[in-house]
PDB file of all heavy atoms in Angstrom:
ATOM      1  N   PRO A   1      -2.706  -3.310  -7.461  1.00  0.00           N
ATOM      2  CA  PRO A   1      -2.443  -2.279  -8.390  1.00  0.00           C
ATOM      3  C   PRO A   1      -3.155  -0.959  -8.266  1.00  0.00           C
ATOM      4  O   PRO A   1      -2.677   0.170  -8.580  1.00  0.00           O
ATOM      5  CB  PRO A   1      -2.788  -2.675  -9.900  1.00  0.00           C
ATOM      6  CG  PRO A   1      -2.730  -4.306  -9.584  1.00  0.00           C
ATOM      7  CD  PRO A   1      -3.241  -4.516  -8.217  1.00  0.00           C
ATOM      8  N   VAL A   2      -4.420  -0.932  -7.767  1.00  0.00           N
ATOM      9  CA  VAL A   2      -5.176   0.176  -7.436  1.00  0.00           C
ATOM     10  C   VAL A   2      -4.577   0.977  -6.280  1.00  0.00           C
ATOM     11  O   VAL A   2      -4.426   2.173  -6.307  1.00  0.00           O
ATOM     12  CB  VAL A   2      -6.739  -0.218  -7.167  1.00  0.00           C
ATOM     13  CG1 VAL A   2      -7.444   1.085  -7.007  1.00  0.00           C
ATOM     14  CG2 VAL A   2      -7.247  -1.107  -8.189  1.00  0.00           C
ATOM     15  N   LEU A   3      -4.099   0.258  -5.297  1.00  0.00           N
ATOM     16  CA  LEU A   3      -3.405   0.859  -4.158  1.00  0.00           C
ATOM     17  C   LEU A   3      -2.215   1.455  -4.618  1.00  0.00           C
ATOM     18  O   LEU A   3      -1.800   2.751  -4.208  1.00  0.00           O
ATOM     19  CB  LEU A   3      -3.156  -0.093  -3.069  1.00  0.00           C
ATOM     20  CG  LEU A   3      -4.382  -0.639  -2.262  1.00  0.00           C
ATOM     21  CD1 LEU A   3      -3.933  -1.955  -1.505  1.00  0.00           C
ATOM     22  CD2 LEU A   3      -4.966   0.265  -1.315  1.00  0.00           C
ATOM     23  N   ASP A   4      -1.426   0.735  -5.416  1.00  0.00           N
ATOM     24  CA  ASP A   4      -0.067   1.259  -5.841  1.00  0.00           C
ATOM     25  C   ASP A   4      -0.410   2.671  -6.675  1.00  0.00           C
ATOM     26  O   ASP A   4       0.394   3.653  -6.535  1.00  0.00           O
ATOM     27  CB  ASP A   4       0.612   0.265  -6.728  1.00  0.00           C
ATOM     28  CG  ASP A   4       1.531  -0.729  -5.921  1.00  0.00           C
ATOM     29  OD1 ASP A   4       2.019  -0.211  -4.848  1.00  0.00           O
ATOM     30  OD2 ASP A   4       1.600  -1.852  -6.243  1.00  0.00           O
ATOM     31  N   ASP A   5      -1.355   2.567  -7.618  1.00  0.00           N
ATOM     32  CA  ASP A   5      -1.632   3.736  -8.502  1.00  0.00           C
ATOM     33  C   ASP A   5      -2.077   4.877  -7.670  1.00  0.00           C
ATOM     34  O   ASP A   5      -1.742   6.041  -7.913  1.00  0.00           O
ATOM     35  CB  ASP A   5      -2.685   3.246  -9.526  1.00  0.00           C
ATOM     36  CG  ASP A   5      -2.683   4.321 -10.631  1.00  0.00           C
ATOM     37  OD1 ASP A   5      -1.673   4.152 -11.508  1.00  0.00           O
ATOM     38  OD2 ASP A   5      -3.541   5.120 -10.835  1.00  0.00           O
ATOM     39  N   ALA A   6      -2.946   4.600  -6.615  1.00  0.00           N
ATOM     40  CA  ALA A   6      -3.377   5.711  -5.723  1.00  0.00           C
ATOM     41  C   ALA A   6      -2.273   6.369  -5.046  1.00  0.00           C
ATOM     42  O   ALA A   6      -2.182   7.556  -4.922  1.00  0.00           O
ATOM     43  CB  ALA A   6      -4.387   5.231  -4.700  1.00  0.00           C
ATOM     44  N   ALA A   7      -1.260   5.545  -4.414  1.00  0.00           N
ATOM     45  CA  ALA A   7      -0.193   6.112  -3.775  1.00  0.00           C
ATOM     46  C   ALA A   7       0.689   6.913  -4.725  1.00  0.00           C
ATOM     47  O   ALA A   7       1.262   8.001  -4.296  1.00  0.00           O
ATOM     48  CB  ALA A   7       0.642   4.976  -3.075  1.00  0.00           C
ATOM     49  N   GLY A   8       0.850   6.478  -5.989  1.00  0.00           N
ATOM     50  CA  GLY A   8       1.649   7.286  -7.047  1.00  0.00           C
ATOM     51  C   GLY A   8       1.048   8.457  -7.479  1.00  0.00           C
ATOM     52  O   GLY A   8       1.848   9.433  -7.763  1.00  0.00           O
ATOM     53  N   ARG A   9      -0.212   8.704  -7.305  1.00  0.00           N
ATOM     54  CA  ARG A   9      -0.865   9.946  -7.734  1.00  0.00           C
ATOM     55  C   ARG A   9      -0.919  10.983  -6.549  1.00  0.00           C
ATOM     56  O   ARG A   9      -1.229  12.106  -6.822  1.00  0.00           O
ATOM     57  CB  ARG A   9      -2.293   9.640  -8.141  1.00  0.00           C
ATOM     58  CG  ARG A   9      -2.353   8.920  -9.428  1.00  0.00           C
ATOM     59  CD  ARG A   9      -3.829   8.377  -9.629  1.00  0.00           C
ATOM     60  NE  ARG A   9      -3.825   7.632 -11.012  1.00  0.00           N
ATOM     61  CZ  ARG A   9      -4.430   8.150 -12.109  1.00  0.00           C
ATOM     62  NH1 ARG A   9      -4.845   9.417 -12.113  1.00  0.00           N
ATOM     63  NH2 ARG A   9      -4.455   7.489 -13.201  1.00  0.00           N
ATOM     64  N   MET A  10      -0.617  10.439  -5.368  1.00  0.00           N
ATOM     65  CA  MET A  10      -0.558  11.520  -4.196  1.00  0.00           C
ATOM     66  C   MET A  10       0.650  12.205  -4.030  1.00  0.00           C
ATOM     67  O   MET A  10       1.646  11.634  -4.188  1.00  0.00           O
ATOM     68  CB  MET A  10      -1.129  10.711  -2.920  1.00  0.00           C
ATOM     69  CG  MET A  10      -2.437  10.037  -2.859  1.00  0.00           C
ATOM     70  SD  MET A  10      -2.696   9.162  -1.420  1.00  0.00           S
ATOM     71  CE  MET A  10      -4.392   8.567  -1.572  1.00  0.00           C
ATOM     72  N   PRO A  11       0.610  13.492  -3.598  1.00  0.00           N
ATOM     73  CA  PRO A  11       1.790  14.215  -3.240  1.00  0.00           C
ATOM     74  C   PRO A  11       2.534  13.356  -2.158  1.00  0.00           C
ATOM     75  O   PRO A  11       2.073  12.805  -1.173  1.00  0.00           O
ATOM     76  CB  PRO A  11       1.401  15.546  -2.721  1.00  0.00           C
ATOM     77  CG  PRO A  11      -0.045  15.687  -3.230  1.00  0.00           C
ATOM     78  CD  PRO A  11      -0.683  14.338  -3.419  1.00  0.00           C
ATOM     79  N   ALA A  12       3.896  13.504  -2.151  1.00  0.00           N
ATOM     80  CA  ALA A  12       4.807  12.638  -1.235  1.00  0.00           C
ATOM     81  C   ALA A  12       4.429  13.037   0.085  1.00  0.00           C
ATOM     82  O   ALA A  12       4.599  12.298   1.020  1.00  0.00           O
ATOM     83  CB  ALA A  12       6.254  12.984  -1.735  1.00  0.00           C
ATOM     84  N   GLU A  13       4.039  14.384   0.425  1.00  0.00           N
ATOM     85  CA  GLU A  13       3.876  14.906   1.783  1.00  0.00           C
ATOM     86  C   GLU A  13       2.462  14.730   2.215  1.00  0.00           C
ATOM     87  O   GLU A  13       2.095  14.914   3.394  1.00  0.00           O
ATOM     88  CB  GLU A  13       4.254  16.346   1.921  1.00  0.00           C
ATOM     89  CG  GLU A  13       3.324  17.277   1.112  1.00  0.00           C
ATOM     90  CD  GLU A  13       3.675  17.369  -0.331  1.00  0.00           C
ATOM     91  OE1 GLU A  13       4.588  16.632  -0.832  1.00  0.00           O
ATOM     92  OE2 GLU A  13       3.094  18.107  -1.126  1.00  0.00           O
ATOM     93  N   ALA A  14       1.570  14.062   1.394  1.00  0.00           N
ATOM     94  CA  ALA A  14       0.177  13.980   1.720  1.00  0.00           C
ATOM     95  C   ALA A  14       0.047  12.971   2.993  1.00  0.00           C
ATOM     96  O   ALA A  14       0.497  11.708   2.767  1.00  0.00           O
ATOM     97  CB  ALA A  14      -0.597  13.502   0.634  1.00  0.00           C
ATOM     98  N   PRO A  15      -0.581  13.358   4.083  1.00  0.00           N
ATOM     99  CA  PRO A  15      -0.806  12.246   5.165  1.00  0.00           C
ATOM    100  C   PRO A  15      -1.496  10.953   4.632  1.00  0.00           C
ATOM    101  O   PRO A  15      -1.305   9.930   5.110  1.00  0.00           O
ATOM    102  CB  PRO A  15      -1.626  13.138   6.136  1.00  0.00           C
ATOM    103  CG  PRO A  15      -1.409  14.505   5.892  1.00  0.00           C
ATOM    104  CD  PRO A  15      -1.138  14.496   4.384  1.00  0.00           C
ATOM    105  N   ALA A  16      -2.415  11.127   3.723  1.00  0.00           N
ATOM    106  CA  ALA A  16      -3.089  10.033   3.272  1.00  0.00           C
ATOM    107  C   ALA A  16      -2.229   9.009   2.505  1.00  0.00           C
ATOM    108  O   ALA A  16      -2.523   7.738   2.566  1.00  0.00           O
ATOM    109  CB  ALA A  16      -4.297  10.331   2.314  1.00  0.00           C
ATOM    110  N   ARG A  17      -1.314   9.420   1.987  1.00  0.00           N
ATOM    111  CA  ARG A  17      -0.348   8.656   1.148  1.00  0.00           C
ATOM    112  C   ARG A  17       0.321   7.632   2.173  1.00  0.00           C
ATOM    113  O   ARG A  17       0.517   6.387   1.740  1.00  0.00           O
ATOM    114  CB  ARG A  17       0.672   9.415   0.465  1.00  0.00           C
ATOM    115  CG  ARG A  17       1.519   8.531  -0.474  1.00  0.00           C
ATOM    116  CD  ARG A  17       2.485   9.532  -1.244  1.00  0.00           C
ATOM    117  NE  ARG A  17       3.250   8.754  -2.330  1.00  0.00           N
ATOM    118  CZ  ARG A  17       4.425   8.131  -2.065  1.00  0.00           C
ATOM    119  NH1 ARG A  17       4.929   8.343  -0.798  1.00  0.00           N
ATOM    120  NH2 ARG A  17       4.998   7.392  -2.965  1.00  0.00           N
ATOM    121  N   SER A  18       0.640   8.000   3.266  1.00  0.00           N
ATOM    122  CA  SER A  18       1.440   7.100   4.255  1.00  0.00           C
ATOM    123  C   SER A  18       0.348   5.980   4.705  1.00  0.00           C
ATOM    124  O   SER A  18       0.703   4.832   4.821  1.00  0.00           O
ATOM    125  CB  SER A  18       1.846   7.806   5.485  1.00  0.00           C
ATOM    126  OG  SER A  18       0.754   8.404   6.217  1.00  0.00           O
ATOM    127  N   ARG A  19      -0.953   6.355   4.638  1.00  0.00           N
ATOM    128  CA  ARG A  19      -1.865   5.241   5.064  1.00  0.00           C
ATOM    129  C   ARG A  19      -2.005   4.261   3.944  1.00  0.00           C
ATOM    130  O   ARG A  19      -2.215   3.075   4.170  1.00  0.00           O
ATOM    131  CB  ARG A  19      -3.200   5.912   5.369  1.00  0.00           C
ATOM    132  CG  ARG A  19      -3.142   6.880   6.558  1.00  0.00           C
ATOM    133  CD  ARG A  19      -4.567   7.475   6.724  1.00  0.00           C
ATOM    134  NE  ARG A  19      -5.769   6.495   6.875  1.00  0.00           N
ATOM    135  CZ  ARG A  19      -6.923   6.743   6.997  1.00  0.00           C
ATOM    136  NH1 ARG A  19      -7.272   8.006   6.744  1.00  0.00           N
ATOM    137  NH2 ARG A  19      -7.748   5.821   7.162  1.00  0.00           N
ATOM    138  N   VAL A  20      -2.025   4.747   2.670  1.00  0.00           N
ATOM    139  CA  VAL A  20      -2.145   3.843   1.579  1.00  0.00           C
ATOM    140  C   VAL A  20      -0.850   2.873   1.576  1.00  0.00           C
ATOM    141  O   VAL A  20      -0.981   1.665   1.259  1.00  0.00           O
ATOM    142  CB  VAL A  20      -2.231   4.625   0.278  1.00  0.00           C
ATOM    143  CG1 VAL A  20      -2.182   3.617  -0.960  1.00  0.00           C
ATOM    144  CG2 VAL A  20      -3.488   5.387   0.231  1.00  0.00           C
ATOM    145  N   LEU A  21       0.351   3.545   1.688  1.00  0.00           N
ATOM    146  CA  LEU A  21       1.479   2.721   1.716  1.00  0.00           C
ATOM    147  C   LEU A  21       1.501   1.750   2.895  1.00  0.00           C
ATOM    148  O   LEU A  21       2.019   0.562   2.670  1.00  0.00           O
ATOM    149  CB  LEU A  21       2.812   3.690   1.912  1.00  0.00           C
ATOM    150  CG  LEU A  21       3.109   4.571   0.664  1.00  0.00           C
ATOM    151  CD1 LEU A  21       4.312   5.501   0.995  1.00  0.00           C
ATOM    152  CD2 LEU A  21       3.395   3.745  -0.592  1.00  0.00           C
ATOM    153  N   LEU A  22       1.003   2.034   4.009  1.00  0.00           N
ATOM    154  CA  LEU A  22       0.798   1.063   5.106  1.00  0.00           C
ATOM    155  C   LEU A  22      -0.086  -0.051   4.693  1.00  0.00           C
ATOM    156  O   LEU A  22       0.232  -1.245   4.910  1.00  0.00           O
ATOM    157  CB  LEU A  22       0.338   1.736   6.335  1.00  0.00           C
ATOM    158  CG  LEU A  22       1.292   2.557   7.098  1.00  0.00           C
ATOM    159  CD1 LEU A  22       0.632   3.253   8.217  1.00  0.00           C
ATOM    160  CD2 LEU A  22       2.491   1.630   7.686  1.00  0.00           C
ATOM    161  N   GLY A  23      -1.119   0.286   3.971  1.00  0.00           N
ATOM    162  CA  GLY A  23      -2.009  -0.746   3.401  1.00  0.00           C
ATOM    163  C   GLY A  23      -1.364  -1.626   2.437  1.00  0.00           C
ATOM    164  O   GLY A  23      -1.668  -2.877   2.437  1.00  0.00           O
ATOM    165  N   ILE A  24      -0.530  -1.155   1.613  1.00  0.00           N
ATOM    166  CA  ILE A  24       0.171  -1.877   0.600  1.00  0.00           C
ATOM    167  C   ILE A  24       1.119  -2.864   1.287  1.00  0.00           C
ATOM    168  O   ILE A  24       1.294  -4.055   1.006  1.00  0.00           O
ATOM    169  CB  ILE A  24       0.861  -1.025  -0.397  1.00  0.00           C
ATOM    170  CG1 ILE A  24       0.056  -0.220  -1.280  1.00  0.00           C
ATOM    171  CG2 ILE A  24       1.923  -1.884  -1.177  1.00  0.00           C
ATOM    172  CD1 ILE A  24       0.693   0.826  -2.060  1.00  0.00           C
ATOM    173  N   THR A  25       1.892  -2.372   2.308  1.00  0.00           N
ATOM    174  CA  THR A  25       2.744  -3.210   3.093  1.00  0.00           C
ATOM    175  C   THR A  25       2.020  -4.352   3.714  1.00  0.00           C
ATOM    176  O   THR A  25       2.449  -5.488   3.836  1.00  0.00           O
ATOM    177  CB  THR A  25       3.444  -2.328   4.218  1.00  0.00           C
ATOM    178  OG1 THR A  25       4.206  -1.342   3.492  1.00  0.00           O
ATOM    179  CG2 THR A  25       4.387  -3.223   4.933  1.00  0.00           C
ATOM    180  N   GLU A  26       0.880  -4.092   4.317  1.00  0.00           N
ATOM    181  CA  GLU A  26      -0.015  -5.104   5.010  1.00  0.00           C
ATOM    182  C   GLU A  26      -0.423  -6.140   3.942  1.00  0.00           C
ATOM    183  O   GLU A  26      -0.340  -7.409   4.197  1.00  0.00           O
ATOM    184  CB  GLU A  26      -1.119  -4.509   5.782  1.00  0.00           C
ATOM    185  CG  GLU A  26      -2.098  -5.593   6.354  1.00  0.00           C
ATOM    186  CD  GLU A  26      -1.463  -6.396   7.463  1.00  0.00           C
ATOM    187  OE1 GLU A  26      -0.298  -6.050   7.938  1.00  0.00           O
ATOM    188  OE2 GLU A  26      -2.000  -7.347   7.804  1.00  0.00           O
ATOM    189  N   ALA A  27      -0.833  -5.599   2.774  1.00  0.00           N
ATOM    190  CA  ALA A  27      -1.301  -6.583   1.698  1.00  0.00           C
ATOM    191  C   ALA A  27      -0.196  -7.580   1.407  1.00  0.00           C
ATOM    192  O   ALA A  27      -0.377  -8.762   1.281  1.00  0.00           O
ATOM    193  CB  ALA A  27      -1.856  -5.818   0.591  1.00  0.00           C
ATOM    194  N   HIS A  28       1.050  -7.120   1.181  1.00  0.00           N
ATOM    195  CA  HIS A  28       2.127  -7.911   0.933  1.00  0.00           C
ATOM    196  C   HIS A  28       2.586  -8.836   1.915  1.00  0.00           C
ATOM    197  O   HIS A  28       2.984  -9.889   1.801  1.00  0.00           O
ATOM    198  CB  HIS A  28       3.360  -6.963   0.341  1.00  0.00           C
ATOM    199  CG  HIS A  28       3.206  -6.578  -1.046  1.00  0.00           C
ATOM    200  ND1 HIS A  28       3.434  -7.317  -2.084  1.00  0.00           N
ATOM    201  CD2 HIS A  28       2.875  -5.317  -1.553  1.00  0.00           C
ATOM    202  CE1 HIS A  28       3.273  -6.791  -3.210  1.00  0.00           C
ATOM    203  NE2 HIS A  28       2.839  -5.479  -2.929  1.00  0.00           N
ATOM    204  N   ARG A  29       2.414  -8.354   3.224  1.00  0.00           N
ATOM    205  CA  ARG A  29       2.635  -9.236   4.301  1.00  0.00           C
ATOM    206  C   ARG A  29       1.761 -10.410   4.291  1.00  0.00           C
ATOM    207  O   ARG A  29       2.119 -11.577   4.619  1.00  0.00           O
ATOM    208  CB  ARG A  29       2.568  -8.512   5.725  1.00  0.00           C
ATOM    209  CG  ARG A  29       3.057  -9.326   6.835  1.00  0.00           C
ATOM    210  CD  ARG A  29       2.780  -8.471   8.083  1.00  0.00           C
ATOM    211  NE  ARG A  29       1.452  -8.291   8.510  1.00  0.00           N
ATOM    212  CZ  ARG A  29       0.936  -9.304   9.333  1.00  0.00           C
ATOM    213  NH1 ARG A  29       1.492 -10.453   9.569  1.00  0.00           N
ATOM    214  NH2 ARG A  29      -0.365  -9.282   9.608  1.00  0.00           N
ATOM    215  N   GLN A  30       0.424 -10.164   4.011  1.00  0.00           N
ATOM    216  CA  GLN A  30      -0.597 -11.283   4.151  1.00  0.00           C
ATOM    217  C   GLN A  30      -0.197 -12.240   2.964  1.00  0.00           C
ATOM    218  O   GLN A  30      -0.388 -13.516   2.989  1.00  0.00           O
ATOM    219  CB  GLN A  30      -1.882 -10.643   4.104  1.00  0.00           C
ATOM    220  CG  GLN A  30      -2.442  -9.989   5.335  1.00  0.00           C
ATOM    221  CD  GLN A  30      -2.577 -10.998   6.429  1.00  0.00           C
ATOM    222  OE1 GLN A  30      -2.695 -12.146   6.312  1.00  0.00           O
ATOM    223  NE2 GLN A  30      -2.612 -10.329   7.658  1.00  0.00           N
ATOM    224  N   LEU A  31       0.130 -11.734   1.680  1.00  0.00           N
ATOM    225  CA  LEU A  31       0.243 -12.502   0.621  1.00  0.00           C
ATOM    226  C   LEU A  31       1.590 -13.325   0.856  1.00  0.00           C
ATOM    227  O   LEU A  31       1.700 -14.495   0.397  1.00  0.00           O
ATOM    228  CB  LEU A  31       0.474 -11.609  -0.625  1.00  0.00           C
ATOM    229  CG  LEU A  31      -0.707 -11.043  -1.096  1.00  0.00           C
ATOM    230  CD1 LEU A  31      -0.458 -10.120  -2.255  1.00  0.00           C
ATOM    231  CD2 LEU A  31      -1.749 -12.019  -1.729  1.00  0.00           C
ATOM    232  N   GLY A  32       2.610 -12.738   1.484  1.00  0.00           N
ATOM    233  CA  GLY A  32       3.856 -13.488   1.775  1.00  0.00           C
ATOM    234  C   GLY A  32       3.558 -14.581   2.702  1.00  0.00           C
ATOM    235  O   GLY A  32       4.454 -15.521   2.794  1.00  0.00           O
ATOM    236  N   GLN A  33       2.514 -14.526   3.528  1.00  0.00           N
ATOM    237  CA  GLN A  33       2.366 -15.688   4.515  1.00  0.00           C
ATOM    238  C   GLN A  33       1.428 -16.795   3.963  1.00  0.00           C
ATOM    239  O   GLN A  33       1.164 -17.726   4.489  1.00  0.00           O
ATOM    240  CB  GLN A  33       1.504 -15.093   5.679  1.00  0.00           C
ATOM    241  CG  GLN A  33       2.374 -14.164   6.498  1.00  0.00           C
ATOM    242  CD  GLN A  33       1.565 -13.509   7.835  1.00  0.00           C
ATOM    243  OE1 GLN A  33       0.331 -13.826   7.873  1.00  0.00           O
ATOM    244  NE2 GLN A  33       2.378 -13.014   8.621  1.00  0.00           N
ATOM    245  N   ALA A  34       1.041 -16.439   2.572  1.00  0.00           N
ATOM    246  CA  ALA A  34       0.209 -17.465   1.776  1.00  0.00           C
ATOM    247  C   ALA A  34       0.914 -18.890   1.817  1.00  0.00           C
ATOM    248  O   ALA A  34       2.044 -19.072   1.437  1.00  0.00           O
ATOM    249  CB  ALA A  34      -0.002 -17.060   0.496  1.00  0.00           C
ATOM    250  N   ARG A  35       0.220 -19.873   2.353  1.00  0.00           N
ATOM    251  CA  ARG A  35       0.719 -21.323   2.360  1.00  0.00           C
ATOM    252  C   ARG A  35      -0.378 -22.236   2.476  1.00  0.00           C
ATOM    253  O   ARG A  35      -1.443 -21.885   2.863  1.00  0.00           O
ATOM    254  CB  ARG A  35       1.820 -21.333   3.592  1.00  0.00           C
ATOM    255  CG  ARG A  35       1.113 -21.184   4.965  1.00  0.00           C
ATOM    256  CD  ARG A  35       2.130 -21.247   5.991  1.00  0.00           C
ATOM    257  NE  ARG A  35       1.358 -21.061   7.285  1.00  0.00           N
ATOM    258  CZ  ARG A  35       1.066 -19.962   7.808  1.00  0.00           C
ATOM    259  NH1 ARG A  35       1.254 -18.932   7.075  1.00  0.00           N
ATOM    260  NH2 ARG A  35       0.490 -19.888   8.983  1.00  0.00           N
ATOM    261  N   GLU A  36      -0.079 -23.419   2.183  1.00  0.00           N
ATOM    262  CA  GLU A  36      -1.192 -24.553   2.239  1.00  0.00           C
ATOM    263  C   GLU A  36      -1.045 -25.199   3.628  1.00  0.00           C
ATOM    264  O   GLU A  36       0.033 -25.649   3.986  1.00  0.00           O
ATOM    265  CB  GLU A  36      -0.943 -25.522   1.122  1.00  0.00           C
ATOM    266  CG  GLU A  36      -1.523 -25.002  -0.184  1.00  0.00           C
ATOM    267  CD  GLU A  36      -1.581 -26.082  -1.280  1.00  0.00           C
ATOM    268  OE1 GLU A  36      -1.494 -27.278  -0.830  1.00  0.00           O
ATOM    269  OE2 GLU A  36      -1.875 -25.725  -2.364  1.00  0.00           O
TER     270      GLU A  36
END
């Protein structure tokens, strides 16, 4: 949620926003691989 909120507060054209969105994507990729 902190990553999502940070991305939502940044201007759409901000270079840093794309880095945060990539981080969010990677986090969801790792969570999607969660298995026993």
